[in-house]
Amino acid sequence: MRGKSNKTAVDITRAAFERDEPGSSAALVFPTAQEELALVRFYVAKIPQLCQLFRFSEEIEATGITYLKRFYLRNTVMHHHPKNVM
């Protein structure tokens, strides 16, 4: 699922660049699904730190982690930054 959403996002973004200026997307490098997963995992690791700082319960922490992981199965970091979703 993650690979499919990544490919769709790359295609949409590339088409938007091409629509504005033909040939402009040739030099762009987009993140792969594995790179996106690494970024999401980084922010998943930040959730326990934030929950400890604000003294949230373990249930809230678990809910936040679950939400972030599920959100990025169908969405991509190219459209929604993990820091904002977190």
C-alpha atoms as a PDB file:
ATOM      1  CA  MET A   1       0.000   0.000   0.000  1.00  0.00           C
ATOM      2  CA  ARG A   2       2.815   2.363   0.882  1.00  0.00           C
ATOM      3  CA  GLY A   3       4.541   1.804  -2.454  1.00  0.00           C
ATOM      4  CA  LYS A   4       1.333   2.424  -4.370  1.00  0.00           C
ATOM      5  CA  SER A   5       0.629   5.700  -2.544  1.00  0.00           C
ATOM      6  CA  ASN A   6       4.248   6.786  -3.102  1.00  0.00           C
ATOM      7  CA  LYS A   7       4.026   6.121  -6.840  1.00  0.00           C
ATOM      8  CA  THR A   8       0.714   7.980  -7.073  1.00  0.00           C
ATOM      9  CA  ALA A   9       2.119  10.987  -5.203  1.00  0.00           C
ATOM     10  CA  VAL A  10       5.222  11.079  -7.404  1.00  0.00           C
ATOM     11  CA  ASP A  11       3.064  10.931 -10.540  1.00  0.00           C
ATOM     12  CA  ILE A  12       0.776  13.726  -9.303  1.00  0.00           C
ATOM     13  CA  THR A  13       3.673  15.937  -8.245  1.00  0.00           C
ATOM     14  CA  ARG A  14       5.594  15.325 -11.455  1.00  0.00           C
ATOM     15  CA  ALA A  15       2.479  16.140 -13.526  1.00  0.00           C
ATOM     16  CA  ALA A  16       1.995  19.390 -11.603  1.00  0.00           C
ATOM     17  CA  PHE A  17       5.578  20.470 -12.345  1.00  0.00           C
ATOM     18  CA  GLU A  18       5.227  19.504 -16.000  1.00  0.00           C
ATOM     19  CA  ARG A  19       1.958  21.400 -16.305  1.00  0.00           C
ATOM     20  CA  ASP A  20       3.613  24.604 -15.070  1.00  0.00           C
ATOM     21  CA  GLU A  21       6.867  24.223 -17.002  1.00  0.00           C
ATOM     22  CA  PRO A  22       7.434  21.280 -19.390  1.00  0.00           C
ATOM     23  CA  GLY A  23      10.649  19.393 -18.694  1.00  0.00           C
ATOM     24  CA  SER A  24      11.061  20.850 -15.209  1.00  0.00           C
ATOM     25  CA  SER A  25      10.513  17.571 -13.376  1.00  0.00           C
ATOM     26  CA  ALA A  26      13.418  15.755 -15.034  1.00  0.00           C
ATOM     27  CA  ALA A  27      15.945  16.884 -12.425  1.00  0.00           C
ATOM     28  CA  LEU A  28      13.726  16.239  -9.395  1.00  0.00           C
ATOM     29  CA  VAL A  29      14.463  13.354  -7.052  1.00  0.00           C
ATOM     30  CA  PHE A  30      11.494  12.044  -5.082  1.00  0.00           C
ATOM     31  CA  PRO A  31      11.698   9.981  -1.888  1.00  0.00           C
ATOM     32  CA  THR A  32      11.141   6.254  -2.213  1.00  0.00           C
ATOM     33  CA  ALA A  33       8.621   4.324  -0.140  1.00  0.00           C
ATOM     34  CA  GLN A  34      11.479   3.072   2.066  1.00  0.00           C
ATOM     35  CA  GLU A  35      12.725   6.614   2.663  1.00  0.00           C
ATOM     36  CA  GLU A  36       9.223   7.718   3.568  1.00  0.00           C
ATOM     37  CA  LEU A  37       8.943   4.808   5.996  1.00  0.00           C
ATOM     38  CA  ALA A  38      12.225   5.821   7.635  1.00  0.00           C
ATOM     39  CA  LEU A  39      10.912   9.362   8.120  1.00  0.00           C
ATOM     40  CA  VAL A  40       7.642   8.083   9.606  1.00  0.00           C
ATOM     41  CA  ARG A  41       9.559   5.772  11.948  1.00  0.00           C
ATOM     42  CA  PHE A  42      11.636   8.738  13.104  1.00  0.00           C
ATOM     43  CA  TYR A  43       8.487  10.638  14.069  1.00  0.00           C
ATOM     44  CA  VAL A  44       6.938   7.541  15.652  1.00  0.00           C
ATOM     45  CA  ALA A  45      10.008   7.453  17.925  1.00  0.00           C
ATOM     46  CA  LYS A  46       9.358  11.096  18.869  1.00  0.00           C
ATOM     47  CA  ILE A  47       5.812  10.436  20.110  1.00  0.00           C
ATOM     48  CA  PRO A  48       6.870   8.753  23.401  1.00  0.00           C
ATOM     49  CA  GLN A  49       9.197  11.674  24.118  1.00  0.00           C
ATOM     50  CA  LEU A  50       6.390  14.183  23.628  1.00  0.00           C
ATOM     51  CA  CYS A  51       3.954  12.114  25.678  1.00  0.00           C
ATOM     52  CA  GLN A  52       6.464  11.967  28.521  1.00  0.00           C
ATOM     53  CA  LEU A  53       7.046  15.717  28.311  1.00  0.00           C
ATOM     54  CA  PHE A  54       3.322  16.507  28.507  1.00  0.00           C
ATOM     55  CA  ARG A  55       2.641  13.636  30.928  1.00  0.00           C
ATOM     56  CA  PHE A  56       0.107  11.935  28.669  1.00  0.00           C
ATOM     57  CA  SER A  57      -1.080   8.435  29.508  1.00  0.00           C
ATOM     58  CA  GLU A  58       0.141   5.298  27.748  1.00  0.00           C
ATOM     59  CA  GLU A  59      -3.226   4.997  25.994  1.00  0.00           C
ATOM     60  CA  ILE A  60      -2.785   8.393  24.365  1.00  0.00           C
ATOM     61  CA  GLU A  61       0.746   7.480  23.334  1.00  0.00           C
ATOM     62  CA  ALA A  62      -0.394   4.194  21.802  1.00  0.00           C
ATOM     63  CA  THR A  63      -3.250   5.932  19.996  1.00  0.00           C
ATOM     64  CA  GLY A  64      -0.879   8.532  18.546  1.00  0.00           C
ATOM     65  CA  ILE A  65       1.557   5.914  17.307  1.00  0.00           C
ATOM     66  CA  THR A  66      -1.207   3.815  15.782  1.00  0.00           C
ATOM     67  CA  TYR A  67      -2.792   6.820  14.091  1.00  0.00           C
ATOM     68  CA  LEU A  68       0.491   7.991  12.578  1.00  0.00           C
ATOM     69  CA  LYS A  69       1.333   4.534  11.219  1.00  0.00           C
ATOM     70  CA  ARG A  70      -2.133   4.001   9.745  1.00  0.00           C
ATOM     71  CA  PHE A  71      -2.294   7.491   8.271  1.00  0.00           C
ATOM     72  CA  TYR A  72       0.861   6.897   6.252  1.00  0.00           C
ATOM     73  CA  LEU A  73      -0.316   3.605   4.794  1.00  0.00           C
ATOM     74  CA  ARG A  74      -2.592   5.562   2.458  1.00  0.00           C
ATOM     75  CA  ASN A  75      -0.989   9.014   2.529  1.00  0.00           C
ATOM     76  CA  THR A  76       2.500  10.199   1.745  1.00  0.00           C
ATOM     77  CA  VAL A  77       5.004  12.504   3.391  1.00  0.00           C
ATOM     78  CA  MET A  78       5.115  14.453   0.132  1.00  0.00           C
ATOM     79  CA  HIS A  79       1.573  15.686   0.797  1.00  0.00           C
ATOM     80  CA  HIS A  80       1.398  15.702   4.614  1.00  0.00           C
ATOM     81  CA  HIS A  81       4.488  16.367   6.730  1.00  0.00           C
ATOM     82  CA  PRO A  82       4.778  13.903   9.659  1.00  0.00           C
ATOM     83  CA  LYS A  83       5.520  16.682  12.143  1.00  0.00           C
ATOM     84  CA  ASN A  84       2.165  18.302  11.380  1.00  0.00           C
ATOM     85  CA  VAL A  85       0.288  15.004  11.537  1.00  0.00           C
ATOM     86  CA  MET A  86       2.043  13.980  14.751  1.00  0.00           C
END
